[in-house]
Protein backbone atom coordinates (compact mmCIF):
# COMPACT_ATOMS: atom_id res chain seq x y z
CA MET A 1 107.47 -260.72 -132.43
CA SER A 2 108.76 -261.36 -128.95
CA LEU A 3 108.00 -259.27 -125.88
CA THR A 4 110.47 -258.10 -123.28
CA ASP A 5 110.50 -259.78 -119.89
CA GLU A 6 108.76 -256.72 -118.43
CA GLN A 7 106.04 -256.77 -121.09
CA ARG A 8 105.41 -260.48 -120.51
CA ALA A 9 105.13 -259.85 -116.78
CA ILE A 10 102.63 -257.01 -117.36
CA ARG A 11 100.63 -259.23 -119.73
CA ASP A 12 100.46 -262.03 -117.20
CA VAL A 13 99.32 -259.73 -114.38
CA VAL A 14 96.58 -258.14 -116.49
CA ARG A 15 95.37 -261.47 -117.91
CA GLU A 16 95.10 -262.83 -114.38
CA PHE A 17 93.12 -259.74 -113.38
CA ALA A 18 90.90 -260.30 -116.42
CA ARG A 19 90.20 -263.90 -115.38
CA GLU A 20 89.71 -263.27 -111.68
CA GLU A 21 88.13 -259.81 -111.54
CA ILE A 22 86.64 -258.92 -114.94
CA ARG A 23 85.10 -262.14 -116.25
CA PRO A 24 83.04 -263.00 -113.14
CA SER A 25 80.95 -259.84 -113.57
CA ALA A 26 80.95 -259.66 -117.39
CA ARG A 27 77.75 -261.60 -118.04
CA GLU A 28 75.70 -259.72 -115.44
CA ALA A 29 77.10 -256.39 -116.61
CA ASP A 30 76.05 -257.27 -120.16
CA GLU A 31 72.55 -258.34 -119.10
CA THR A 32 71.93 -255.29 -116.92
CA GLN A 33 73.81 -252.88 -119.20
CA THR A 34 75.65 -251.60 -116.13
CA PHE A 35 79.31 -250.67 -116.01
CA PRO A 36 81.10 -252.43 -113.10
CA GLU A 37 82.80 -249.52 -111.36
CA SER A 38 84.60 -251.86 -108.96
CA VAL A 39 86.46 -253.29 -111.96
CA TRP A 40 87.43 -249.75 -113.02
CA ASP A 41 88.79 -249.16 -109.53
CA GLY A 42 90.78 -252.37 -109.90
CA LEU A 43 92.27 -251.13 -113.16
CA ALA A 44 93.19 -247.90 -111.41
CA GLY A 45 94.86 -249.95 -108.69
CA LEU A 46 97.05 -251.52 -111.38
CA ASP A 47 97.85 -248.01 -112.73
CA LEU A 48 96.12 -248.88 -116.01
CA THR A 49 93.81 -245.85 -116.00
CA GLY A 50 97.03 -243.90 -116.47
CA LEU A 51 98.21 -246.14 -119.31
CA THR A 52 98.97 -243.28 -121.73
CA VAL A 53 99.76 -240.68 -119.06
CA PRO A 54 103.46 -239.74 -118.80
CA GLU A 55 105.21 -240.82 -115.62
CA GLU A 56 105.87 -237.22 -114.56
CA TYR A 57 102.12 -236.80 -114.11
CA GLY A 58 101.68 -240.00 -112.16
CA GLY A 59 100.89 -242.26 -115.09
CA PHE A 60 102.04 -245.62 -116.40
CA GLY A 61 103.78 -244.05 -119.40
CA ALA A 62 103.37 -247.17 -121.54
CA ASP A 63 105.08 -247.42 -124.91
CA PRO A 64 102.84 -248.47 -127.85
CA VAL A 65 103.73 -252.17 -127.63
CA THR A 66 103.07 -252.34 -123.89
CA ALA A 67 99.80 -250.45 -124.36
CA SER A 68 98.80 -252.99 -127.01
CA VAL A 69 99.60 -255.88 -124.67
CA VAL A 70 97.47 -254.31 -121.93
CA ASN A 71 94.52 -253.66 -124.25
CA GLU A 72 94.61 -257.25 -125.48
CA ALA A 73 94.73 -258.62 -121.95
CA VAL A 74 91.84 -256.45 -120.69
CA ALA A 75 89.68 -257.41 -123.69
CA TYR A 76 90.47 -261.05 -122.92
CA GLY A 77 88.24 -260.37 -119.92
CA SER A 78 85.64 -258.01 -121.40
CA LEU A 79 85.52 -255.87 -124.53
CA SER A 80 83.19 -253.42 -122.75
CA ILE A 81 85.79 -252.74 -120.08
CA ALA A 82 88.60 -252.56 -122.62
CA THR A 83 86.66 -250.06 -124.74
CA ALA A 84 85.97 -247.81 -121.75
CA LEU A 85 89.67 -247.91 -120.88
CA SER A 86 90.85 -247.20 -124.43
CA VAL A 87 88.56 -244.17 -124.79
CA HIS A 88 89.73 -242.85 -121.41
CA SER A 89 93.27 -243.32 -122.75
CA LEU A 90 92.40 -241.40 -125.92
CA ALA A 91 91.35 -238.49 -123.72
CA THR A 92 94.51 -238.57 -121.62
CA SER A 93 96.62 -238.89 -124.79
CA CYS A 94 95.02 -235.73 -126.19
CA ILE A 95 95.82 -233.77 -123.05
CA ALA A 96 99.36 -235.16 -122.79
CA SER A 97 100.10 -234.55 -126.50
CA PHE A 98 98.45 -231.17 -127.04
CA GLY A 99 97.73 -229.65 -123.64
CA SER A 100 99.68 -226.90 -121.95
CA GLU A 101 101.76 -227.60 -118.87
CA ALA A 102 98.99 -226.10 -116.75
CA GLN A 103 96.36 -228.34 -118.38
CA CYS A 104 98.51 -231.43 -117.92
CA GLU A 105 99.16 -230.64 -114.26
CA ARG A 106 95.48 -229.90 -113.65
CA TRP A 107 93.97 -233.00 -115.25
CA LEU A 108 96.41 -235.83 -115.84
CA PRO A 109 97.29 -236.86 -112.26
CA GLU A 110 93.59 -237.25 -111.36
CA MET A 111 92.74 -239.05 -114.60
CA ALA A 112 95.71 -241.37 -114.14
CA ALA A 113 94.25 -242.25 -110.74
CA GLY A 114 90.97 -243.19 -112.43
CA ARG A 115 88.73 -240.14 -111.88
CA PRO A 116 87.54 -238.18 -113.71
CA VAL A 117 86.89 -240.61 -116.54
CA GLY A 118 87.61 -239.27 -120.01
CA ALA A 119 85.39 -239.18 -123.11
CA PHE A 120 86.26 -238.41 -126.74
CA ALA A 121 83.61 -236.42 -128.64
CA LEU A 122 84.32 -236.47 -132.37
CA SER A 123 81.41 -238.26 -134.10
CA GLU A 124 78.08 -236.60 -134.85
CA PRO A 125 74.70 -237.88 -136.09
CA HIS A 126 75.55 -236.87 -139.67
CA ALA A 127 79.34 -236.90 -139.48
CA GLY A 128 80.79 -240.28 -138.54
CA SER A 129 83.26 -241.51 -141.15
CA ASN A 130 83.88 -237.94 -142.35
CA PRO A 131 84.38 -235.76 -139.27
CA ALA A 132 85.14 -232.73 -141.44
CA GLU A 133 81.38 -232.52 -141.98
CA MET A 134 80.73 -231.91 -138.28
CA SER A 135 78.39 -229.05 -137.44
CA THR A 136 79.23 -228.45 -133.76
CA GLU A 137 80.52 -224.89 -133.45
CA ALA A 138 82.71 -223.19 -130.85
CA ARG A 139 82.35 -219.45 -131.47
CA ARG A 140 84.92 -217.17 -129.87
CA GLU A 141 83.51 -214.39 -127.69
CA GLY A 142 86.11 -212.50 -125.72
CA ASP A 143 87.96 -214.88 -123.40
CA GLU A 144 85.43 -217.67 -123.94
CA TYR A 145 84.14 -220.04 -126.58
CA ILE A 146 80.39 -220.65 -126.86
CA VAL A 147 79.69 -224.21 -127.99
CA ASN A 148 76.53 -225.43 -129.73
CA GLY A 149 75.97 -228.82 -131.34
CA ASP A 150 75.40 -232.54 -130.88
CA LYS A 151 77.83 -235.43 -130.54
CA GLN A 152 76.87 -239.09 -130.89
CA TRP A 153 78.24 -242.56 -130.04
CA ILE A 154 80.19 -241.22 -127.07
CA THR A 155 81.74 -244.02 -125.00
CA ASN A 156 81.85 -243.09 -121.30
CA GLY A 157 79.34 -240.39 -122.18
CA ASP A 158 77.40 -240.81 -118.96
CA ARG A 159 80.15 -241.73 -116.51
CA SER A 160 82.82 -239.33 -117.75
CA GLY A 161 83.98 -236.21 -115.94
CA VAL A 162 85.91 -234.56 -118.75
CA VAL A 163 85.23 -234.50 -122.50
CA ILE A 164 87.71 -233.96 -125.32
CA LEU A 165 85.56 -232.02 -127.79
CA PHE A 166 86.12 -231.37 -131.48
CA ALA A 167 84.25 -228.39 -132.91
CA LYS A 168 84.55 -225.84 -135.71
CA THR A 169 85.27 -222.24 -134.87
CA ASP A 170 83.43 -221.44 -138.12
CA ARG A 171 80.64 -223.91 -138.87
CA SER A 172 80.89 -223.32 -142.63
CA ASP A 173 84.64 -223.97 -142.82
CA PRO A 174 85.93 -227.57 -142.40
CA SER A 175 89.47 -226.29 -141.88
CA THR A 176 88.57 -224.67 -138.55
CA VAL A 177 88.06 -227.89 -136.51
CA THR A 178 89.66 -227.32 -133.10
CA GLN A 179 90.14 -229.45 -130.02
CA PHE A 180 88.87 -228.41 -126.57
CA LEU A 181 88.85 -229.76 -123.04
CA VAL A 182 85.38 -229.51 -121.49
CA PRO A 183 84.56 -230.39 -117.87
CA LYS A 184 81.40 -232.48 -117.83
CA ASP A 185 79.64 -230.35 -115.20
CA VAL A 186 79.49 -227.14 -117.26
CA ASP A 187 76.11 -225.48 -117.71
CA GLY A 188 74.36 -226.35 -120.96
CA LEU A 189 75.91 -229.79 -121.48
CA THR A 190 73.25 -232.52 -121.55
CA VAL A 191 73.83 -236.28 -121.66
CA GLY A 192 71.37 -238.28 -123.74
CA GLU A 193 69.85 -241.67 -122.97
CA LYS A 194 72.14 -244.69 -123.09
CA GLU A 195 72.01 -246.49 -126.42
CA ASP A 196 70.51 -250.00 -126.37
CA LYS A 197 73.20 -251.83 -128.35
CA LEU A 198 73.69 -255.25 -129.93
CA GLY A 199 76.91 -255.79 -128.02
CA LEU A 200 79.29 -253.87 -125.79
CA ARG A 201 76.27 -253.49 -123.54
CA ALA A 202 78.11 -252.84 -120.27
CA SER A 203 79.87 -249.82 -121.78
CA ASP A 204 77.69 -246.71 -121.74
CA THR A 205 77.23 -245.02 -125.10
CA THR A 206 75.31 -241.75 -125.24
CA SER A 207 74.84 -238.54 -127.14
CA LEU A 208 76.08 -235.20 -125.81
CA THR A 209 74.25 -231.94 -126.52
CA PHE A 210 75.97 -228.57 -126.15
CA ASP A 211 73.56 -225.66 -125.76
CA ASP A 212 75.38 -222.33 -125.40
CA VAL A 213 78.09 -224.00 -123.32
CA ARG A 214 80.67 -221.45 -122.28
CA ILE A 215 84.23 -222.64 -121.85
CA PRO A 216 87.30 -220.51 -121.14
CA ALA A 217 89.63 -219.94 -124.10
CA GLU A 218 92.38 -221.48 -121.99
CA ASN A 219 90.56 -224.82 -122.36
CA ARG A 220 91.48 -224.98 -126.03
CA LEU A 221 93.95 -227.84 -126.60
CA THR A 222 95.11 -227.07 -130.14
CA GLU A 223 95.48 -223.98 -132.22
CA GLU A 224 92.33 -223.15 -134.14
CA GLY A 225 92.13 -225.39 -137.19
CA ARG A 226 94.49 -228.11 -135.95
CA GLY A 227 91.83 -230.28 -134.38
CA LEU A 228 91.39 -232.80 -137.20
CA SER A 229 95.09 -233.47 -137.65
CA ALA A 230 95.35 -233.92 -133.88
CA ALA A 231 92.41 -236.33 -133.90
CA PHE A 232 93.90 -238.43 -136.70
CA GLU A 233 97.24 -238.58 -134.91
CA ILE A 234 95.63 -239.81 -131.70
CA LEU A 235 93.34 -242.23 -133.54
CA THR A 236 96.33 -244.06 -134.99
CA GLY A 237 97.04 -245.25 -131.47
CA GLY A 238 93.33 -245.82 -130.93
CA ARG A 239 93.12 -248.14 -133.92
CA ILE A 240 96.01 -250.21 -132.60
CA ALA A 241 94.13 -250.42 -129.29
CA ILE A 242 91.00 -251.71 -131.07
CA ALA A 243 93.05 -254.27 -133.01
CA SER A 244 94.59 -255.41 -129.74
CA GLN A 245 91.17 -255.72 -128.16
CA ALA A 246 89.94 -257.77 -131.13
CA VAL A 247 92.84 -260.15 -130.53
CA GLY A 248 92.01 -260.49 -126.83
CA LEU A 249 88.34 -261.10 -127.57
CA ALA A 250 89.14 -263.72 -130.22
CA ASP A 251 91.63 -265.41 -127.90
CA HIS A 252 88.89 -265.74 -125.26
CA ALA A 253 86.52 -267.26 -127.85
CA LEU A 254 89.21 -269.71 -128.96
CA GLU A 255 89.80 -270.74 -125.36
CA GLU A 256 86.08 -271.35 -124.83
CA ALA A 257 85.84 -273.43 -128.02
CA ILE A 258 88.80 -275.60 -127.06
CA ALA A 259 87.42 -276.23 -123.58
CA TYR A 260 83.92 -277.03 -124.83
CA SER A 261 85.11 -279.35 -127.58
CA GLY A 262 86.97 -281.41 -125.00
CA GLU A 263 83.90 -281.75 -122.79
CA ARG A 264 81.07 -282.16 -125.30
CA GLU A 265 80.53 -285.71 -126.57
CA GLN A 266 78.85 -286.81 -129.78
CA PHE A 267 79.05 -290.19 -131.52
CA ASP A 268 80.63 -291.69 -128.37
CA GLN A 269 83.61 -289.36 -128.36
CA PRO A 270 84.53 -285.76 -127.47
CA ILE A 271 83.85 -283.55 -130.45
CA ALA A 272 87.51 -282.48 -130.22
CA GLU A 273 88.27 -285.84 -131.85
CA ILE A 274 86.18 -284.98 -134.93
CA GLN A 275 88.37 -283.74 -137.77
CA THR A 276 85.98 -280.96 -138.79
CA ILE A 277 86.16 -279.47 -135.28
CA ARG A 278 89.93 -279.89 -135.12
CA HIS A 279 90.31 -278.03 -138.40
CA LYS A 280 88.06 -275.22 -137.19
CA ILE A 281 90.16 -274.78 -134.05
CA ALA A 282 93.39 -274.86 -136.07
CA GLU A 283 92.11 -272.06 -138.32
CA MET A 284 90.86 -270.06 -135.34
CA ALA A 285 94.21 -270.27 -133.58
CA THR A 286 96.01 -269.23 -136.76
CA ARG A 287 93.77 -266.17 -137.14
CA VAL A 288 94.38 -265.15 -133.52
CA GLN A 289 98.15 -265.46 -133.81
CA ALA A 290 98.31 -263.70 -137.18
CA SER A 291 96.23 -260.83 -135.80
CA ARG A 292 98.44 -260.59 -132.73
CA GLN A 293 101.64 -260.40 -134.76
CA LEU A 294 100.27 -257.81 -137.21
CA THR A 295 99.00 -255.72 -134.30
CA ARG A 296 102.35 -255.80 -132.53
CA TYR A 297 104.05 -254.85 -135.78
CA ALA A 298 101.73 -251.84 -135.98
CA ALA A 299 102.57 -250.93 -132.39
CA ARG A 300 106.28 -251.05 -133.17
CA GLU A 301 105.75 -248.88 -136.24
CA ARG A 302 103.85 -246.44 -134.01
CA ALA A 303 106.76 -246.41 -131.56
CA ALA A 304 109.09 -245.57 -134.44
CA GLY A 305 107.02 -242.48 -135.18
CA ASP A 306 104.77 -243.57 -138.03
CA GLY A 307 102.37 -246.49 -138.21
CA ALA A 308 99.16 -245.00 -139.66
CA MET A 309 98.90 -247.54 -142.47
CA ALA A 310 100.04 -250.42 -140.24
CA ALA A 311 97.43 -249.41 -137.64
CA SER A 312 94.70 -249.53 -140.28
CA MET A 313 95.94 -252.91 -141.52
CA ALA A 314 95.95 -254.30 -137.98
CA LYS A 315 92.46 -253.03 -137.18
CA LEU A 316 91.06 -254.26 -140.50
CA PHE A 317 92.57 -257.74 -140.17
CA ALA A 318 92.11 -258.28 -136.43
CA SER A 319 88.46 -257.15 -136.40
CA LYS A 320 87.64 -259.45 -139.33
CA ALA A 321 89.45 -262.28 -137.55
CA ALA A 322 87.51 -261.62 -134.33
CA MET A 323 84.24 -261.95 -136.22
CA ALA A 324 85.38 -265.19 -137.87
CA VAL A 325 86.73 -266.73 -134.67
CA THR A 326 83.68 -265.88 -132.54
CA ASN A 327 81.39 -267.17 -135.30
CA GLU A 328 83.21 -270.51 -135.30
CA ALA A 329 83.17 -270.62 -131.51
CA VAL A 330 79.38 -270.32 -131.59
CA GLN A 331 79.21 -272.99 -134.29
CA ILE A 332 81.33 -275.39 -132.25
CA HIS A 333 78.99 -274.90 -129.28
CA GLY A 334 76.00 -275.67 -131.51
CA GLY A 335 72.67 -274.76 -129.92
CA TYR A 336 74.40 -273.87 -126.66
CA GLY A 337 76.36 -271.18 -128.49
CA TYR A 338 73.10 -269.38 -129.19
CA VAL A 339 72.09 -268.89 -125.56
CA SER A 340 73.46 -266.41 -123.05
CA GLU A 341 74.44 -269.15 -120.60
CA PHE A 342 77.66 -269.53 -122.60
CA ASP A 343 80.13 -266.67 -123.06
CA VAL A 344 80.58 -267.22 -126.79
CA GLU A 345 77.12 -265.72 -127.44
CA ARG A 346 78.23 -262.42 -125.87
CA LEU A 347 81.66 -262.55 -127.50
CA TYR A 348 80.03 -262.96 -130.92
CA ARG A 349 77.80 -259.92 -130.34
CA ASP A 350 80.68 -257.86 -129.00
CA ALA A 351 83.01 -258.69 -131.88
CA LYS A 352 80.95 -256.84 -134.49
CA ILE A 353 81.69 -253.39 -133.08
CA THR A 354 85.43 -253.83 -133.74
CA GLU A 355 84.64 -253.57 -137.47
CA ILE A 356 82.77 -250.30 -136.93
CA TYR A 357 84.09 -247.93 -134.26
CA GLU A 358 87.15 -245.72 -134.59
CA GLY A 359 86.90 -246.06 -138.35
CA THR A 360 84.90 -248.74 -140.16
CA SER A 361 86.64 -251.51 -142.10
CA GLU A 362 85.82 -249.61 -145.27
CA ILE A 363 87.61 -246.52 -143.96
CA GLN A 364 90.65 -248.63 -143.02
CA LYS A 365 90.80 -249.95 -146.59
CA THR A 366 90.66 -246.36 -147.86
CA VAL A 367 93.56 -245.37 -145.60
CA ILE A 368 95.64 -248.36 -146.69
CA ALA A 369 94.96 -247.82 -150.39
CA ARG A 370 95.74 -244.09 -150.13
CA ASN A 371 99.12 -244.88 -148.56
CA LEU A 372 99.94 -247.43 -151.23
CA LEU A 373 98.59 -245.72 -154.34
CA ASP A 374 98.65 -241.97 -153.77
C-alpha cells in the first residue's frame, strides 16, 4: 500500500533522525538502563511528542497511517525510544478523545511540546490480560476521588509528569472502571523501583502505588463505568503502534544481517554468496514487507473508523515476524550475534516484548477469533 508524498517525506526525515540521533546512543542506553532525554528533546523538536495531539492544541495531528509510519521509523532506531513515545501518545490520545475542553487546553499543548511526559496505568500485578479484574479503587468523596491501589508495568513510570489512571469506583463491580487524569506530583503517589528487564532496557518500567491519593472530580476523563471501553478504543491504535514498531525493529535487523553477510568471509567467499544465507535473507525481507503491508492495512481500517480485528492481526503477525527476523539475524552473525558488540543481540532481546505488551499474542488471537466466530 503506497504512501502519499507527504508521508514518504515524514518517513525519510524520521528514519534519518533514527540513524543519526537515536542509534548512536542506543547501545549505551541499553547497557546503563538510562533513557536518553536528549533524544526525547529531539523528537519534540520534530513535533513527534505531539503525534496524536490535534493541531488546535499545538500537536502534529497525525492520521493513523502517518502515525504508523512514524512509529516504524523511530523503532528503526530504538524500540525503547519508540515505546516511550507510543505510551506518551496513548496518554495524549486519552485526553484528546475523552477530556473536556478545559482539560485539553490545560494539558495537551505542554505534552505536545514534550513535557510533561505521559504514562498509561491500566495493568496491575494480578490483572494484566483481564483488566476488569483490577482492584485499584477511586472512591468518590464530595468533590474529590480518593484513590488506593497498585499499578504495574508502567512505561514512563519514573519520568512521567501525568498519568492516565484506570480505577473502579466500586472495587467489587467490574462495570465501574473509570478513567482519570492524575498529575504525578500528587501526595500519596509513589513510584517503585525500575524493573530490570530482558530487553527494552533504556525505557523505564515501574510500578505505581496510590495511597489515599486525592484528585479533584474534574480530573475524571470518562463517565463512571466507561473506562474499559475507552481503554479498548485507545488500545486499538496502540496495537497498530506496536505492530509498526515491530516492523521497524525487524527492518533494522534485516539491514544488519545484509551488511554483515557482505563483509564476513567463510570458505574463501562472503557468506552472502552461500545459498543458505541468501535464502534466510530472502525470507526475512518477505516477513518484514508482509508485516509492513498488514500494519498499514490496519492503520487504514483504523482511519475508516474500525480496525480492532485488523489491529490485532497486525500486532500478532508483526511481533511474530520480528522475533523470527531477529533470530535469523543473530544466526547469520554466528558467535558475534551473541555478544553485545553487535546490535542484533539487543534487537533480539527487544523483539520479545512486542509479543507481550499491550495484549499478548494469545489475547490477539482471542480478539480475532471473537470477531470471526461470534
